[in-house]
């Protein structure tokens, strides 16, 4: 796997896998999920190539992906983790706030975490993230360990689907209290 020199390129392999998965889901009529670009403000543009050579983030982004799965609004963020401890500093307060508000509107919010050193994908429901997030806010661990995760939410290997998250989304929906479905 290539080593990136820029923090901005981290996760681009994961995003490409998710983008290809989303294309398959769209082609099959299962879901329509779009990648949300991070808004930038160009500062310098090369006059010959017309490429942006310097830019800064214009505003805080919320989530990486948003769309609908069989009529259900869905949003999620993708993260990579190279060790068994996931630092909560990789998730921002404004993202958690947006996802909580999204769920109050009847949507489903979650994180897809790729444990690169294990070659395993994990579906982290917002409810589970809330537990870790609130624990940190109350002075507890500022991270969560691989061993703390519910083993039922690891993504299965599915032929032809790179990041098969729909099965875990279904599980997430089924495990919610009736009034929030």
N, C-alpha and C. Protein backbone atom coordinates (compact mmCIF):
# COMPACT_ATOMS: atom_id res chain seq x y z
N UNK A 1 0.85 -1.18 0.00
CA UNK A 1 0.00 0.00 0.00
C UNK A 1 0.90 1.24 0.00
N UNK A 2 0.62 2.24 -0.84
CA UNK A 2 1.48 3.42 -0.91
C UNK A 2 1.43 4.26 0.35
N UNK A 3 2.52 4.93 0.64
CA UNK A 3 2.57 5.85 1.76
C UNK A 3 2.34 7.25 1.21
N UNK A 4 1.38 7.95 1.79
CA UNK A 4 1.05 9.29 1.32
C UNK A 4 1.87 10.32 2.07
N UNK A 5 2.34 11.33 1.34
CA UNK A 5 3.11 12.41 1.95
C UNK A 5 2.18 13.51 2.45
N UNK A 6 0.95 13.50 2.00
CA UNK A 6 -0.01 14.54 2.36
C UNK A 6 -1.13 13.95 3.20
N UNK A 7 -1.47 14.63 4.29
CA UNK A 7 -2.60 14.18 5.11
C UNK A 7 -3.89 14.17 4.29
N UNK A 8 -3.97 15.06 3.31
CA UNK A 8 -5.17 15.18 2.50
C UNK A 8 -5.45 13.95 1.64
N UNK A 9 -4.45 13.13 1.40
CA UNK A 9 -4.64 11.95 0.56
C UNK A 9 -4.92 10.69 1.37
N UNK A 10 -4.80 10.79 2.68
CA UNK A 10 -5.10 9.61 3.49
C UNK A 10 -6.55 9.24 3.29
N UNK A 11 -6.81 7.96 3.19
CA UNK A 11 -8.18 7.52 3.04
C UNK A 11 -8.68 7.52 1.61
N UNK A 12 -7.87 8.01 0.66
CA UNK A 12 -8.37 8.07 -0.72
C UNK A 12 -8.55 6.67 -1.30
N UNK A 13 -7.76 5.70 -0.89
CA UNK A 13 -7.99 4.32 -1.35
C UNK A 13 -9.31 3.81 -0.81
N UNK A 14 -9.58 4.05 0.44
CA UNK A 14 -10.84 3.64 1.05
C UNK A 14 -12.01 4.30 0.33
N UNK A 15 -11.90 5.58 0.07
CA UNK A 15 -12.98 6.30 -0.62
C UNK A 15 -13.21 5.72 -2.00
N UNK A 16 -12.14 5.36 -2.70
CA UNK A 16 -12.31 4.76 -4.03
C UNK A 16 -13.05 3.43 -3.94
N UNK A 17 -12.74 2.62 -2.93
CA UNK A 17 -13.45 1.34 -2.74
C UNK A 17 -14.94 1.59 -2.46
N UNK A 18 -15.21 2.58 -1.62
CA UNK A 18 -16.60 2.90 -1.29
C UNK A 18 -17.32 3.47 -2.52
N UNK A 19 -16.65 4.33 -3.27
CA UNK A 19 -17.26 4.90 -4.47
C UNK A 19 -17.65 3.80 -5.46
N UNK A 20 -16.76 2.83 -5.65
CA UNK A 20 -17.05 1.72 -6.57
C UNK A 20 -18.20 0.85 -6.04
N UNK A 21 -18.22 0.65 -4.72
CA UNK A 21 -19.32 -0.09 -4.11
C UNK A 21 -20.63 0.64 -4.34
N UNK A 22 -20.63 1.96 -4.12
CA UNK A 22 -21.84 2.76 -4.30
C UNK A 22 -22.33 2.72 -5.75
N UNK A 23 -21.41 2.68 -6.70
CA UNK A 23 -21.79 2.55 -8.11
C UNK A 23 -22.52 1.23 -8.34
N UNK A 24 -22.00 0.16 -7.75
CA UNK A 24 -22.65 -1.17 -7.88
C UNK A 24 -24.04 -1.15 -7.26
N UNK A 25 -24.16 -0.56 -6.07
CA UNK A 25 -25.46 -0.47 -5.40
C UNK A 25 -26.44 0.34 -6.25
N UNK A 26 -25.97 1.41 -6.87
CA UNK A 26 -26.82 2.24 -7.72
C UNK A 26 -27.26 1.44 -8.95
N UNK A 27 -26.32 0.78 -9.61
CA UNK A 27 -26.64 -0.02 -10.80
C UNK A 27 -27.67 -1.10 -10.49
N UNK A 28 -27.61 -1.66 -9.29
CA UNK A 28 -28.54 -2.71 -8.88
C UNK A 28 -29.86 -2.14 -8.35
N UNK A 29 -29.96 -0.81 -8.27
CA UNK A 29 -31.18 -0.18 -7.77
C UNK A 29 -31.36 -0.32 -6.27
N UNK A 30 -30.28 -0.60 -5.55
CA UNK A 30 -30.36 -0.80 -4.10
C UNK A 30 -30.20 0.49 -3.30
N UNK A 31 -29.38 1.41 -3.82
CA UNK A 31 -29.08 2.63 -3.07
C UNK A 31 -28.58 3.71 -4.03
N UNK A 32 -28.74 4.94 -3.61
CA UNK A 32 -28.18 6.08 -4.33
C UNK A 32 -27.43 6.92 -3.30
N UNK A 33 -26.12 6.74 -3.28
CA UNK A 33 -25.26 7.40 -2.31
C UNK A 33 -24.21 8.21 -3.07
N UNK A 34 -24.03 9.47 -2.67
CA UNK A 34 -23.05 10.32 -3.33
C UNK A 34 -21.96 10.76 -2.37
N UNK A 35 -20.76 10.89 -2.91
CA UNK A 35 -19.62 11.44 -2.17
C UNK A 35 -19.82 12.94 -2.09
N UNK A 36 -19.66 13.49 -0.90
CA UNK A 36 -19.78 14.94 -0.70
C UNK A 36 -18.37 15.53 -0.75
N UNK A 37 -18.10 16.39 -1.74
CA UNK A 37 -16.76 16.99 -1.81
C UNK A 37 -16.54 17.98 -0.67
N UNK A 38 -15.32 18.04 -0.19
CA UNK A 38 -14.97 19.01 0.84
C UNK A 38 -14.82 20.38 0.18
N UNK A 39 -15.57 21.38 0.64
CA UNK A 39 -15.49 22.70 0.01
C UNK A 39 -14.13 23.35 0.24
N UNK A 40 -13.52 23.82 -0.86
CA UNK A 40 -12.23 24.50 -0.75
C UNK A 40 -12.31 25.88 -1.40
N UNK A 41 -11.41 26.75 -0.98
CA UNK A 41 -11.31 28.08 -1.58
C UNK A 41 -9.93 28.17 -2.24
N UNK A 42 -9.90 28.21 -3.58
CA UNK A 42 -8.62 28.31 -4.28
C UNK A 42 -7.92 29.63 -3.97
N UNK A 43 -6.61 29.56 -3.75
CA UNK A 43 -5.82 30.77 -3.49
C UNK A 43 -4.89 31.08 -4.66
N UNK A 44 -4.33 30.02 -5.27
CA UNK A 44 -3.45 30.21 -6.43
C UNK A 44 -3.83 29.19 -7.49
N UNK A 45 -3.87 29.66 -8.73
CA UNK A 45 -4.16 28.79 -9.86
C UNK A 45 -3.06 28.97 -10.88
N UNK A 46 -2.48 27.85 -11.33
CA UNK A 46 -1.44 27.89 -12.36
C UNK A 46 -2.09 28.35 -13.66
N UNK A 47 -1.60 29.48 -14.23
CA UNK A 47 -2.26 30.02 -15.42
C UNK A 47 -2.17 29.11 -16.65
N UNK A 48 -1.09 28.33 -16.76
CA UNK A 48 -0.93 27.45 -17.92
C UNK A 48 -1.83 26.23 -17.84
N UNK A 49 -1.75 25.51 -16.72
CA UNK A 49 -2.51 24.26 -16.59
C UNK A 49 -3.92 24.49 -16.05
N UNK A 50 -4.13 25.65 -15.48
CA UNK A 50 -5.40 26.00 -14.83
C UNK A 50 -5.71 25.09 -13.65
N UNK A 51 -4.67 24.50 -13.06
CA UNK A 51 -4.82 23.66 -11.87
C UNK A 51 -4.67 24.53 -10.62
N UNK A 52 -5.40 24.17 -9.59
CA UNK A 52 -5.27 24.85 -8.31
C UNK A 52 -3.97 24.40 -7.67
N UNK A 53 -3.12 25.33 -7.30
CA UNK A 53 -1.84 24.98 -6.67
C UNK A 53 -1.83 25.30 -5.18
N UNK A 54 -2.75 26.12 -4.72
CA UNK A 54 -2.85 26.44 -3.30
C UNK A 54 -4.32 26.71 -2.98
N UNK A 55 -4.79 26.07 -1.91
CA UNK A 55 -6.19 26.25 -1.50
C UNK A 55 -6.30 25.98 -0.01
N UNK A 56 -7.38 26.45 0.57
CA UNK A 56 -7.66 26.09 1.97
C UNK A 56 -9.12 25.67 2.07
N UNK A 57 -9.42 24.92 3.14
CA UNK A 57 -10.78 24.46 3.33
C UNK A 57 -11.67 25.65 3.62
N UNK A 58 -12.71 25.79 2.84
CA UNK A 58 -13.62 26.93 2.92
C UNK A 58 -14.51 26.85 4.15
N UNK A 59 -14.95 25.64 4.50
CA UNK A 59 -15.80 25.45 5.66
C UNK A 59 -15.63 24.01 6.14
N UNK A 60 -16.12 23.74 7.33
CA UNK A 60 -16.04 22.40 7.88
C UNK A 60 -16.95 21.48 7.08
N UNK A 61 -16.42 20.31 6.73
CA UNK A 61 -17.28 19.35 6.05
C UNK A 61 -18.05 18.57 7.11
N UNK A 62 -19.16 17.97 6.71
CA UNK A 62 -19.96 17.23 7.68
C UNK A 62 -19.67 15.74 7.59
N UNK A 63 -20.08 15.12 6.50
CA UNK A 63 -19.86 13.69 6.32
C UNK A 63 -19.31 13.46 4.92
N UNK A 64 -18.77 12.26 4.70
CA UNK A 64 -18.21 11.94 3.39
C UNK A 64 -19.28 11.57 2.37
N UNK A 65 -20.35 10.90 2.85
CA UNK A 65 -21.37 10.36 1.93
C UNK A 65 -22.77 10.64 2.44
N UNK A 66 -23.68 10.84 1.49
CA UNK A 66 -25.08 11.05 1.84
C UNK A 66 -25.95 10.55 0.70
N UNK A 67 -27.13 10.04 1.04
CA UNK A 67 -28.02 9.55 0.00
C UNK A 67 -29.19 8.81 0.61
N UNK A 68 -29.69 7.81 -0.14
CA UNK A 68 -30.84 7.04 0.31
C UNK A 68 -30.65 5.57 -0.04
N UNK A 69 -31.12 4.72 0.86
CA UNK A 69 -31.12 3.28 0.66
C UNK A 69 -32.56 2.81 0.81
N UNK A 70 -33.16 2.40 -0.31
CA UNK A 70 -34.54 1.92 -0.30
C UNK A 70 -35.47 2.90 0.41
N UNK A 71 -35.28 4.20 0.14
CA UNK A 71 -36.14 5.23 0.70
C UNK A 71 -35.73 5.75 2.06
N UNK A 72 -34.68 5.20 2.64
CA UNK A 72 -34.21 5.63 3.96
C UNK A 72 -33.03 6.59 3.78
N UNK A 73 -33.12 7.81 4.33
CA UNK A 73 -31.98 8.73 4.25
C UNK A 73 -30.78 8.16 5.03
N UNK A 74 -29.61 8.25 4.42
CA UNK A 74 -28.40 7.69 5.00
C UNK A 74 -27.26 8.69 4.86
N UNK A 75 -26.45 8.80 5.91
CA UNK A 75 -25.21 9.56 5.80
C UNK A 75 -24.14 8.79 6.56
N UNK A 76 -22.90 8.86 6.07
CA UNK A 76 -21.81 8.21 6.78
C UNK A 76 -20.48 8.83 6.44
N UNK A 77 -19.53 8.54 7.28
CA UNK A 77 -18.17 9.00 7.11
C UNK A 77 -17.26 7.79 7.08
N UNK A 78 -16.19 7.87 6.31
CA UNK A 78 -15.24 6.76 6.19
C UNK A 78 -13.93 7.14 6.86
N UNK A 79 -13.40 6.23 7.65
CA UNK A 79 -12.14 6.46 8.37
C UNK A 79 -11.24 5.25 8.21
N UNK A 80 -9.94 5.49 8.18
CA UNK A 80 -8.98 4.40 8.20
C UNK A 80 -8.28 4.39 9.55
N UNK A 81 -7.90 3.20 9.98
CA UNK A 81 -7.19 3.05 11.25
C UNK A 81 -6.10 2.01 11.04
N UNK A 82 -4.86 2.35 11.41
CA UNK A 82 -3.73 1.46 11.17
C UNK A 82 -3.33 0.67 12.42
N UNK A 83 -4.12 0.78 13.48
CA UNK A 83 -3.82 0.04 14.70
C UNK A 83 -5.12 -0.35 15.39
N UNK A 84 -5.02 -1.04 16.51
CA UNK A 84 -6.23 -1.52 17.19
C UNK A 84 -6.92 -0.46 18.05
N UNK A 85 -6.32 0.71 18.18
CA UNK A 85 -6.93 1.80 18.94
C UNK A 85 -7.32 2.91 17.99
N UNK A 86 -8.60 3.28 18.02
CA UNK A 86 -9.10 4.36 17.17
C UNK A 86 -9.25 5.61 18.03
N UNK A 87 -8.47 6.64 17.72
CA UNK A 87 -8.52 7.89 18.48
C UNK A 87 -9.74 8.71 18.06
N UNK A 88 -10.53 9.13 19.02
CA UNK A 88 -11.73 9.90 18.73
C UNK A 88 -11.42 11.28 18.17
N UNK A 89 -10.17 11.73 18.28
CA UNK A 89 -9.79 13.01 17.68
C UNK A 89 -9.91 12.96 16.15
N UNK A 90 -10.03 11.76 15.57
CA UNK A 90 -10.22 11.61 14.13
C UNK A 90 -11.66 11.92 13.70
N UNK A 91 -12.53 12.11 14.68
CA UNK A 91 -13.92 12.48 14.42
C UNK A 91 -14.13 13.85 15.05
N UNK A 92 -14.79 14.72 14.33
CA UNK A 92 -14.94 16.10 14.82
C UNK A 92 -16.33 16.33 15.42
N UNK A 93 -16.36 17.22 16.37
CA UNK A 93 -17.60 17.57 17.08
C UNK A 93 -18.72 17.94 16.11
N UNK A 94 -18.40 18.75 15.07
CA UNK A 94 -19.44 19.17 14.13
C UNK A 94 -19.99 17.98 13.32
N UNK A 95 -19.16 16.93 13.10
CA UNK A 95 -19.65 15.74 12.41
C UNK A 95 -20.65 14.98 13.28
N UNK A 96 -20.30 14.81 14.55
CA UNK A 96 -21.19 14.10 15.47
C UNK A 96 -22.50 14.87 15.61
N UNK A 97 -22.41 16.18 15.73
CA UNK A 97 -23.60 17.02 15.85
C UNK A 97 -24.49 16.87 14.62
N UNK A 98 -23.88 16.93 13.43
CA UNK A 98 -24.66 16.78 12.19
C UNK A 98 -25.34 15.41 12.14
N UNK A 99 -24.59 14.36 12.47
CA UNK A 99 -25.14 13.01 12.40
C UNK A 99 -26.28 12.81 13.41
N UNK A 100 -26.15 13.39 14.57
CA UNK A 100 -27.23 13.30 15.56
C UNK A 100 -28.49 14.00 15.06
N UNK A 101 -28.32 15.18 14.47
CA UNK A 101 -29.46 15.91 13.91
C UNK A 101 -30.06 15.16 12.73
N UNK A 102 -29.20 14.53 11.93
CA UNK A 102 -29.66 13.74 10.78
C UNK A 102 -30.56 12.60 11.24
N UNK A 103 -30.15 11.92 12.32
CA UNK A 103 -30.96 10.81 12.83
C UNK A 103 -32.27 11.32 13.44
N UNK A 104 -32.26 12.50 14.05
CA UNK A 104 -33.50 13.06 14.59
C UNK A 104 -34.52 13.34 13.48
N UNK A 105 -34.03 13.50 12.25
CA UNK A 105 -34.90 13.73 11.10
C UNK A 105 -35.33 12.41 10.44
N UNK A 106 -34.99 11.29 11.07
CA UNK A 106 -35.42 9.99 10.55
C UNK A 106 -34.40 9.27 9.70
N UNK A 107 -33.19 9.81 9.60
CA UNK A 107 -32.15 9.17 8.81
C UNK A 107 -31.31 8.20 9.64
N UNK A 108 -30.40 7.54 8.96
CA UNK A 108 -29.46 6.62 9.61
C UNK A 108 -28.05 7.16 9.37
N UNK A 109 -27.28 7.30 10.44
CA UNK A 109 -25.91 7.79 10.35
C UNK A 109 -24.96 6.74 10.93
N UNK A 110 -23.81 6.60 10.30
CA UNK A 110 -22.84 5.62 10.77
C UNK A 110 -21.45 5.95 10.24
N UNK A 111 -20.46 5.22 10.73
CA UNK A 111 -19.09 5.33 10.25
C UNK A 111 -18.68 3.99 9.66
N UNK A 112 -17.92 4.04 8.57
CA UNK A 112 -17.26 2.85 8.06
C UNK A 112 -15.79 3.01 8.41
N UNK A 113 -15.27 2.08 9.18
CA UNK A 113 -13.87 2.13 9.58
C UNK A 113 -13.14 0.97 8.93
N UNK A 114 -12.04 1.29 8.27
CA UNK A 114 -11.21 0.27 7.66
C UNK A 114 -9.96 0.09 8.50
N UNK A 115 -9.85 -1.07 9.14
CA UNK A 115 -8.66 -1.41 9.91
C UNK A 115 -7.64 -1.96 8.92
N UNK A 116 -6.75 -1.08 8.47
CA UNK A 116 -5.84 -1.42 7.37
C UNK A 116 -4.91 -2.58 7.72
N UNK A 117 -4.41 -2.62 8.94
CA UNK A 117 -3.46 -3.66 9.33
C UNK A 117 -4.12 -5.02 9.46
N UNK A 118 -5.43 -5.06 9.57
CA UNK A 118 -6.19 -6.31 9.66
C UNK A 118 -6.96 -6.62 8.38
N UNK A 119 -7.01 -5.65 7.47
CA UNK A 119 -7.80 -5.75 6.25
C UNK A 119 -9.24 -6.11 6.59
N UNK A 120 -9.82 -5.34 7.55
CA UNK A 120 -11.19 -5.57 7.97
C UNK A 120 -11.96 -4.25 7.98
N UNK A 121 -13.20 -4.33 7.51
CA UNK A 121 -14.09 -3.18 7.52
C UNK A 121 -15.06 -3.33 8.68
N UNK A 122 -15.38 -2.20 9.30
CA UNK A 122 -16.30 -2.21 10.43
C UNK A 122 -17.36 -1.14 10.24
N UNK A 123 -18.61 -1.51 10.51
CA UNK A 123 -19.75 -0.60 10.48
C UNK A 123 -19.99 -0.15 11.91
N UNK A 124 -19.76 1.13 12.19
CA UNK A 124 -19.95 1.67 13.53
C UNK A 124 -21.24 2.49 13.56
N UNK A 125 -22.31 1.93 14.13
CA UNK A 125 -23.56 2.70 14.22
C UNK A 125 -23.36 3.96 15.06
N UNK A 126 -24.10 5.00 14.75
CA UNK A 126 -23.98 6.24 15.51
C UNK A 126 -24.22 6.00 17.00
N UNK A 127 -25.17 5.13 17.33
CA UNK A 127 -25.45 4.84 18.74
C UNK A 127 -24.20 4.33 19.47
N UNK A 128 -23.42 3.48 18.81
CA UNK A 128 -22.20 2.96 19.42
C UNK A 128 -21.14 4.06 19.52
N UNK A 129 -21.04 4.89 18.47
CA UNK A 129 -20.11 6.02 18.53
C UNK A 129 -20.50 6.94 19.67
N UNK A 130 -21.81 7.18 19.86
CA UNK A 130 -22.28 8.05 20.94
C UNK A 130 -21.79 7.55 22.30
N UNK A 131 -21.78 6.25 22.50
CA UNK A 131 -21.30 5.68 23.76
C UNK A 131 -19.83 6.06 23.98
N UNK A 132 -18.99 5.84 22.96
CA UNK A 132 -17.56 6.16 23.08
C UNK A 132 -17.35 7.67 23.22
N UNK A 133 -18.12 8.44 22.46
CA UNK A 133 -18.00 9.91 22.45
C UNK A 133 -18.36 10.47 23.83
N UNK A 134 -19.50 10.02 24.37
CA UNK A 134 -19.94 10.51 25.68
C UNK A 134 -18.98 10.07 26.78
N UNK A 135 -18.46 8.87 26.67
CA UNK A 135 -17.48 8.39 27.66
C UNK A 135 -16.25 9.31 27.69
N UNK A 136 -15.78 9.71 26.52
CA UNK A 136 -14.63 10.62 26.44
C UNK A 136 -14.98 11.99 27.02
N UNK A 137 -16.18 12.49 26.72
CA UNK A 137 -16.61 13.80 27.22
C UNK A 137 -16.73 13.80 28.75
N UNK A 138 -17.01 12.63 29.32
CA UNK A 138 -17.13 12.51 30.77
C UNK A 138 -15.80 12.19 31.45
N UNK A 139 -14.69 12.33 30.71
CA UNK A 139 -13.37 12.13 31.28
C UNK A 139 -12.78 10.74 31.08
N UNK A 140 -13.47 9.89 30.35
CA UNK A 140 -12.97 8.54 30.08
C UNK A 140 -12.02 8.51 28.91
N UNK A 141 -11.80 7.31 28.39
CA UNK A 141 -10.88 7.10 27.26
C UNK A 141 -11.23 8.03 26.10
N UNK A 142 -10.21 8.54 25.45
CA UNK A 142 -10.39 9.41 24.27
C UNK A 142 -10.24 8.58 22.99
N UNK A 143 -10.48 7.28 23.12
CA UNK A 143 -10.35 6.36 22.01
C UNK A 143 -11.20 5.14 22.32
N UNK A 144 -11.30 4.24 21.34
CA UNK A 144 -11.89 2.95 21.62
C UNK A 144 -11.00 1.87 21.02
N UNK A 145 -11.04 0.72 21.66
CA UNK A 145 -10.19 -0.40 21.26
C UNK A 145 -10.97 -1.35 20.35
N UNK A 146 -10.25 -2.01 19.49
CA UNK A 146 -10.81 -3.01 18.59
C UNK A 146 -11.64 -4.03 19.36
N UNK A 147 -11.15 -4.42 20.53
CA UNK A 147 -11.82 -5.44 21.34
C UNK A 147 -13.16 -4.97 21.89
N UNK A 148 -13.39 -3.65 21.94
CA UNK A 148 -14.64 -3.11 22.45
C UNK A 148 -15.78 -3.15 21.43
N UNK A 149 -15.43 -3.40 20.18
CA UNK A 149 -16.43 -3.35 19.11
C UNK A 149 -17.31 -4.59 19.11
N UNK A 150 -18.56 -4.40 18.71
CA UNK A 150 -19.49 -5.51 18.59
C UNK A 150 -19.08 -6.35 17.38
N UNK A 151 -18.67 -7.60 17.58
CA UNK A 151 -18.18 -8.41 16.46
C UNK A 151 -19.21 -8.65 15.36
N UNK A 152 -20.49 -8.44 15.66
CA UNK A 152 -21.53 -8.65 14.66
C UNK A 152 -21.55 -7.58 13.57
N UNK A 153 -20.79 -6.48 13.76
CA UNK A 153 -20.81 -5.39 12.80
C UNK A 153 -19.58 -5.34 11.89
N UNK A 154 -18.76 -6.40 11.91
CA UNK A 154 -17.68 -6.46 10.93
C UNK A 154 -18.28 -6.86 9.60
N UNK A 155 -17.88 -6.19 8.53
CA UNK A 155 -18.46 -6.45 7.22
C UNK A 155 -18.00 -7.81 6.70
N UNK A 156 -18.93 -8.59 6.20
CA UNK A 156 -18.57 -9.89 5.63
C UNK A 156 -17.91 -9.69 4.27
N UNK A 157 -17.17 -10.68 3.83
CA UNK A 157 -16.62 -10.66 2.46
C UNK A 157 -17.75 -11.09 1.53
N UNK A 158 -18.00 -10.27 0.52
CA UNK A 158 -19.06 -10.55 -0.45
C UNK A 158 -18.46 -10.48 -1.85
N UNK A 159 -18.53 -11.55 -2.61
CA UNK A 159 -17.97 -11.52 -3.97
C UNK A 159 -18.59 -10.39 -4.80
N UNK A 160 -17.73 -9.61 -5.44
CA UNK A 160 -18.20 -8.54 -6.32
C UNK A 160 -18.55 -7.24 -5.64
N UNK A 161 -18.52 -7.20 -4.30
CA UNK A 161 -18.81 -5.96 -3.58
C UNK A 161 -17.61 -5.64 -2.69
N UNK A 162 -16.97 -4.50 -2.92
CA UNK A 162 -15.73 -4.17 -2.23
C UNK A 162 -15.93 -3.83 -0.75
N UNK A 163 -16.97 -3.04 -0.45
CA UNK A 163 -17.26 -2.64 0.93
C UNK A 163 -18.75 -2.88 1.18
N UNK A 164 -19.12 -4.13 1.46
CA UNK A 164 -20.54 -4.50 1.53
C UNK A 164 -21.22 -4.07 2.83
N UNK A 165 -21.59 -2.80 2.89
CA UNK A 165 -22.13 -2.25 4.13
C UNK A 165 -23.66 -2.35 4.25
N UNK A 166 -24.36 -2.69 3.18
CA UNK A 166 -25.82 -2.71 3.25
C UNK A 166 -26.37 -3.75 4.23
N UNK A 167 -25.71 -4.89 4.34
CA UNK A 167 -26.16 -5.92 5.29
C UNK A 167 -26.08 -5.39 6.73
N UNK A 168 -25.02 -4.64 7.04
CA UNK A 168 -24.88 -4.08 8.39
C UNK A 168 -25.86 -2.94 8.61
N UNK A 169 -26.16 -2.19 7.56
CA UNK A 169 -27.18 -1.14 7.67
C UNK A 169 -28.53 -1.76 8.02
N UNK A 170 -28.85 -2.88 7.38
CA UNK A 170 -30.09 -3.59 7.68
C UNK A 170 -30.10 -4.05 9.14
N UNK A 171 -28.98 -4.59 9.61
CA UNK A 171 -28.85 -5.04 11.01
C UNK A 171 -29.06 -3.85 11.96
N UNK A 172 -28.44 -2.73 11.64
CA UNK A 172 -28.58 -1.51 12.44
C UNK A 172 -30.06 -1.12 12.53
N UNK A 173 -30.75 -1.12 11.41
CA UNK A 173 -32.18 -0.78 11.39
C UNK A 173 -33.00 -1.72 12.25
N UNK A 174 -32.73 -3.01 12.15
CA UNK A 174 -33.49 -4.01 12.89
C UNK A 174 -33.28 -3.93 14.40
N UNK A 175 -32.11 -3.44 14.81
CA UNK A 175 -31.79 -3.40 16.24
C UNK A 175 -32.21 -2.10 16.91
N UNK A 176 -32.77 -1.18 16.16
CA UNK A 176 -33.24 0.09 16.73
C UNK A 176 -34.60 -0.10 17.37
N UNK A 177 -34.90 0.68 18.41
CA UNK A 177 -36.25 0.62 19.00
C UNK A 177 -37.29 0.98 17.93
N UNK A 178 -38.46 0.41 18.05
CA UNK A 178 -39.53 0.59 17.05
C UNK A 178 -39.82 2.05 16.72
N UNK A 179 -39.87 2.93 17.72
CA UNK A 179 -40.25 4.32 17.47
C UNK A 179 -39.22 5.07 16.64
N UNK A 180 -37.95 4.58 16.55
CA UNK A 180 -36.96 5.30 15.75
C UNK A 180 -36.78 4.67 14.37
N UNK A 181 -37.49 3.59 14.06
CA UNK A 181 -37.40 2.97 12.72
C UNK A 181 -38.24 3.74 11.72
